[in-house]
């Protein structure tokens, strides 16, 4: 039994010493993908902003939210029944029904009115702000 354990240990040790990860080999194949080669002024990175809208007592809270293009809105269902989030005018986006405790995220590209298609009295509004209106 001791010999078997020793043999397994030796095999594992030899394998770990000679194994090359896929990440190591991939970085050698694509040198153009290394971030250090990109000047900082050419790749500005905006800090991600996430706004939270709670769904509770048959309401979106807050029901009106001001955001910037590229911000994320996270809807969290804290109500006792299922709800969804659906864009009003063209139905360009919609969540699946959200059970209690579930959430759904949207990256904002434009302002919109929205509602719960399961309970049409529930309405909300996304106002898109420009950087000049801060």
C-alpha atoms as a PDB file:
ATOM      1  CA  UNK A   1       0.000   0.000   0.000  1.00  0.00           C
ATOM      2  CA  UNK A   2       2.851   2.364   0.841  1.00  0.00           C
ATOM      3  CA  UNK A   3       4.460   1.608  -2.516  1.00  0.00           C
ATOM      4  CA  UNK A   4       1.223   2.482  -4.354  1.00  0.00           C
ATOM      5  CA  UNK A   5       0.927   5.805  -2.551  1.00  0.00           C
ATOM      6  CA  UNK A   6       4.581   6.562  -3.260  1.00  0.00           C
ATOM      7  CA  UNK A   7       4.142   5.735  -6.956  1.00  0.00           C
ATOM      8  CA  UNK A   8       1.084   7.994  -7.218  1.00  0.00           C
ATOM      9  CA  UNK A   9       2.949  10.804  -5.503  1.00  0.00           C
ATOM     10  CA  UNK A  10       5.936  10.434  -7.878  1.00  0.00           C
ATOM     11  CA  UNK A  11       3.669  10.418 -10.949  1.00  0.00           C
ATOM     12  CA  UNK A  12       1.813  13.514  -9.702  1.00  0.00           C
ATOM     13  CA  UNK A  13       5.094  15.274  -8.934  1.00  0.00           C
ATOM     14  CA  UNK A  14       6.586  14.530 -12.363  1.00  0.00           C
ATOM     15  CA  UNK A  15       3.370  15.574 -14.112  1.00  0.00           C
ATOM     16  CA  UNK A  16       3.193  18.890 -12.250  1.00  0.00           C
ATOM     17  CA  UNK A  17       6.828  19.683 -13.052  1.00  0.00           C
ATOM     18  CA  UNK A  18       6.421  19.130 -16.790  1.00  0.00           C
ATOM     19  CA  UNK A  19       2.847  20.339 -17.377  1.00  0.00           C
ATOM     20  CA  UNK A  20       2.378  23.692 -19.173  1.00  0.00           C
ATOM     21  CA  UNK A  21      -0.940  25.449 -18.736  1.00  0.00           C
ATOM     22  CA  UNK A  22      -3.037  26.528 -21.710  1.00  0.00           C
ATOM     23  CA  UNK A  23      -2.806  30.144 -20.552  1.00  0.00           C
ATOM     24  CA  UNK A  24       0.991  30.088 -20.772  1.00  0.00           C
ATOM     25  CA  UNK A  25       0.975  28.726 -24.319  1.00  0.00           C
ATOM     26  CA  UNK A  26      -1.852  31.027 -25.439  1.00  0.00           C
ATOM     27  CA  UNK A  27       0.011  34.118 -24.284  1.00  0.00           C
ATOM     28  CA  UNK A  28       2.978  33.070 -26.449  1.00  0.00           C
ATOM     29  CA  UNK A  29       0.735  32.633 -29.496  1.00  0.00           C
ATOM     30  CA  UNK A  30      -0.946  36.055 -29.338  1.00  0.00           C
ATOM     31  CA  UNK A  31       1.585  38.728 -28.324  1.00  0.00           C
ATOM     32  CA  UNK A  32      -0.621  41.488 -29.777  1.00  0.00           C
ATOM     33  CA  UNK A  33      -3.268  40.830 -27.110  1.00  0.00           C
ATOM     34  CA  UNK A  34      -1.056  41.897 -24.198  1.00  0.00           C
ATOM     35  CA  UNK A  35      -2.552  44.955 -22.488  1.00  0.00           C
ATOM     36  CA  UNK A  36       0.824  46.494 -21.634  1.00  0.00           C
ATOM     37  CA  UNK A  37       1.384  47.203 -25.341  1.00  0.00           C
ATOM     38  CA  UNK A  38      -1.642  49.537 -25.477  1.00  0.00           C
ATOM     39  CA  UNK A  39      -0.926  53.137 -24.400  1.00  0.00           C
ATOM     40  CA  UNK A  40      -3.147  54.205 -21.504  1.00  0.00           C
ATOM     41  CA  UNK A  41      -4.488  57.269 -23.335  1.00  0.00           C
ATOM     42  CA  UNK A  42      -5.820  55.058 -26.161  1.00  0.00           C
ATOM     43  CA  UNK A  43      -7.839  52.794 -23.859  1.00  0.00           C
ATOM     44  CA  UNK A  44      -9.793  54.932 -21.388  1.00  0.00           C
ATOM     45  CA  UNK A  45     -11.792  52.857 -18.959  1.00  0.00           C
ATOM     46  CA  UNK A  46     -14.891  54.274 -17.349  1.00  0.00           C
ATOM     47  CA  UNK A  47     -15.654  52.920 -13.913  1.00  0.00           C
ATOM     48  CA  UNK A  48     -18.765  50.757 -14.151  1.00  0.00           C
ATOM     49  CA  UNK A  49     -21.831  52.186 -12.450  1.00  0.00           C
ATOM     50  CA  UNK A  50     -24.621  49.877 -11.301  1.00  0.00           C
ATOM     51  CA  UNK A  51     -28.006  51.263 -10.250  1.00  0.00           C
ATOM     52  CA  UNK A  52     -30.360  49.058  -8.237  1.00  0.00           C
ATOM     53  CA  UNK A  53     -34.136  49.099  -8.641  1.00  0.00           C
ATOM     54  CA  UNK A  54     -36.058  47.002  -6.143  1.00  0.00           C
ATOM     55  CA  UNK A  55     -39.373  45.431  -7.026  1.00  0.00           C
ATOM     56  CA  UNK A  56     -41.509  45.420  -3.892  1.00  0.00           C
ATOM     57  CA  UNK A  57     -45.166  45.835  -2.981  1.00  0.00           C
ATOM     58  CA  UNK A  58     -46.141  45.902  -6.693  1.00  0.00           C
ATOM     59  CA  UNK A  59     -43.818  48.862  -7.430  1.00  0.00           C
ATOM     60  CA  UNK A  60     -40.436  49.624  -8.979  1.00  0.00           C
ATOM     61  CA  UNK A  61     -38.426  51.497  -6.321  1.00  0.00           C
ATOM     62  CA  UNK A  62     -37.322  54.007  -7.454  1.00  0.00           C
ATOM     63  CA  UNK A  63     -39.775  54.230 -10.326  1.00  0.00           C
ATOM     64  CA  UNK A  64     -37.697  56.872 -12.155  1.00  0.00           C
ATOM     65  CA  UNK A  65     -33.938  56.539 -12.448  1.00  0.00           C
ATOM     66  CA  UNK A  66     -31.345  58.840 -14.048  1.00  0.00           C
ATOM     67  CA  UNK A  67     -28.378  57.062 -15.619  1.00  0.00           C
ATOM     68  CA  UNK A  68     -25.616  57.518 -18.190  1.00  0.00           C
ATOM     69  CA  UNK A  69     -25.163  55.512 -21.373  1.00  0.00           C
ATOM     70  CA  UNK A  70     -23.273  52.317 -20.523  1.00  0.00           C
ATOM     71  CA  UNK A  71     -24.450  52.213 -16.892  1.00  0.00           C
ATOM     72  CA  UNK A  72     -26.096  49.020 -15.676  1.00  0.00           C
ATOM     73  CA  UNK A  73     -29.458  48.759 -13.982  1.00  0.00           C
ATOM     74  CA  UNK A  74     -30.047  45.767 -11.705  1.00  0.00           C
ATOM     75  CA  UNK A  75     -33.677  44.966 -10.941  1.00  0.00           C
ATOM     76  CA  UNK A  76     -34.111  42.787  -7.832  1.00  0.00           C
ATOM     77  CA  UNK A  77     -37.464  41.164  -7.089  1.00  0.00           C
ATOM     78  CA  UNK A  78     -38.161  41.522  -3.370  1.00  0.00           C
ATOM     79  CA  UNK A  79     -41.902  41.001  -3.770  1.00  0.00           C
ATOM     80  CA  UNK A  80     -43.838  37.833  -2.945  1.00  0.00           C
ATOM     81  CA  UNK A  81     -44.886  37.246  -6.581  1.00  0.00           C
ATOM     82  CA  UNK A  82     -43.183  37.017  -9.974  1.00  0.00           C
ATOM     83  CA  UNK A  83     -42.580  40.177 -12.004  1.00  0.00           C
ATOM     84  CA  UNK A  84     -40.763  41.094 -15.197  1.00  0.00           C
ATOM     85  CA  UNK A  85     -39.269  44.238 -16.696  1.00  0.00           C
ATOM     86  CA  UNK A  86     -40.362  45.126 -20.247  1.00  0.00           C
ATOM     87  CA  UNK A  87     -39.604  48.183 -22.404  1.00  0.00           C
ATOM     88  CA  UNK A  88     -42.932  49.882 -23.168  1.00  0.00           C
ATOM     89  CA  UNK A  89     -42.955  51.338 -26.692  1.00  0.00           C
ATOM     90  CA  UNK A  90     -41.277  48.781 -28.985  1.00  0.00           C
ATOM     91  CA  UNK A  91     -40.698  45.920 -26.517  1.00  0.00           C
ATOM     92  CA  UNK A  92     -36.989  46.068 -27.515  1.00  0.00           C
ATOM     93  CA  UNK A  93     -35.971  44.370 -24.263  1.00  0.00           C
ATOM     94  CA  UNK A  94     -37.657  42.316 -21.607  1.00  0.00           C
ATOM     95  CA  UNK A  95     -36.587  40.147 -18.722  1.00  0.00           C
ATOM     96  CA  UNK A  96     -37.895  36.685 -18.078  1.00  0.00           C
ATOM     97  CA  UNK A  97     -40.331  36.469 -15.155  1.00  0.00           C
ATOM     98  CA  UNK A  98     -38.323  37.072 -11.977  1.00  0.00           C
ATOM     99  CA  UNK A  99     -39.117  34.915  -8.980  1.00  0.00           C
ATOM    100  CA  UNK A 100     -38.750  36.300  -5.464  1.00  0.00           C
ATOM    101  CA  UNK A 101     -35.041  36.913  -4.842  1.00  0.00           C
ATOM    102  CA  UNK A 102     -34.120  36.850  -8.553  1.00  0.00           C
ATOM    103  CA  UNK A 103     -32.560  39.733 -10.444  1.00  0.00           C
ATOM    104  CA  UNK A 104     -31.998  40.959 -14.000  1.00  0.00           C
ATOM    105  CA  UNK A 105     -29.458  43.418 -15.428  1.00  0.00           C
ATOM    106  CA  UNK A 106     -29.625  45.776 -18.409  1.00  0.00           C
ATOM    107  CA  UNK A 107     -26.814  47.865 -19.892  1.00  0.00           C
ATOM    108  CA  UNK A 108     -28.394  51.219 -20.730  1.00  0.00           C
ATOM    109  CA  UNK A 109     -28.082  52.462 -24.307  1.00  0.00           C
ATOM    110  CA  UNK A 110     -31.023  54.878 -24.296  1.00  0.00           C
ATOM    111  CA  UNK A 111     -33.769  56.250 -22.097  1.00  0.00           C
ATOM    112  CA  UNK A 112     -36.994  54.272 -21.919  1.00  0.00           C
ATOM    113  CA  UNK A 113     -40.277  53.723 -20.172  1.00  0.00           C
ATOM    114  CA  UNK A 114     -40.840  50.213 -18.842  1.00  0.00           C
ATOM    115  CA  UNK A 115     -43.461  48.186 -17.028  1.00  0.00           C
ATOM    116  CA  UNK A 116     -44.223  44.738 -15.624  1.00  0.00           C
ATOM    117  CA  UNK A 117     -46.128  42.857 -18.332  1.00  0.00           C
ATOM    118  CA  UNK A 118     -47.552  40.567 -15.640  1.00  0.00           C
ATOM    119  CA  UNK A 119     -48.945  43.508 -13.637  1.00  0.00           C
ATOM    120  CA  UNK A 120     -49.388  46.415 -16.044  1.00  0.00           C
ATOM    121  CA  UNK A 121     -50.035  48.964 -13.293  1.00  0.00           C
ATOM    122  CA  UNK A 122     -46.333  48.738 -12.388  1.00  0.00           C
ATOM    123  CA  UNK A 123     -44.397  51.343 -14.396  1.00  0.00           C
ATOM    124  CA  UNK A 124     -40.936  52.849 -14.400  1.00  0.00           C
ATOM    125  CA  UNK A 125     -38.788  55.282 -16.358  1.00  0.00           C
ATOM    126  CA  UNK A 126     -35.105  55.412 -17.322  1.00  0.00           C
ATOM    127  CA  UNK A 127     -33.812  58.926 -18.012  1.00  0.00           C
ATOM    128  CA  UNK A 128     -30.567  59.054 -19.955  1.00  0.00           C
ATOM    129  CA  UNK A 129     -28.294  61.874 -18.802  1.00  0.00           C
ATOM    130  CA  UNK A 130     -25.525  63.350 -20.888  1.00  0.00           C
ATOM    131  CA  UNK A 131     -22.170  64.124 -19.255  1.00  0.00           C
ATOM    132  CA  UNK A 132     -23.019  67.843 -19.532  1.00  0.00           C
ATOM    133  CA  UNK A 133     -26.188  67.497 -17.426  1.00  0.00           C
ATOM    134  CA  UNK A 134     -24.482  66.204 -14.277  1.00  0.00           C
END
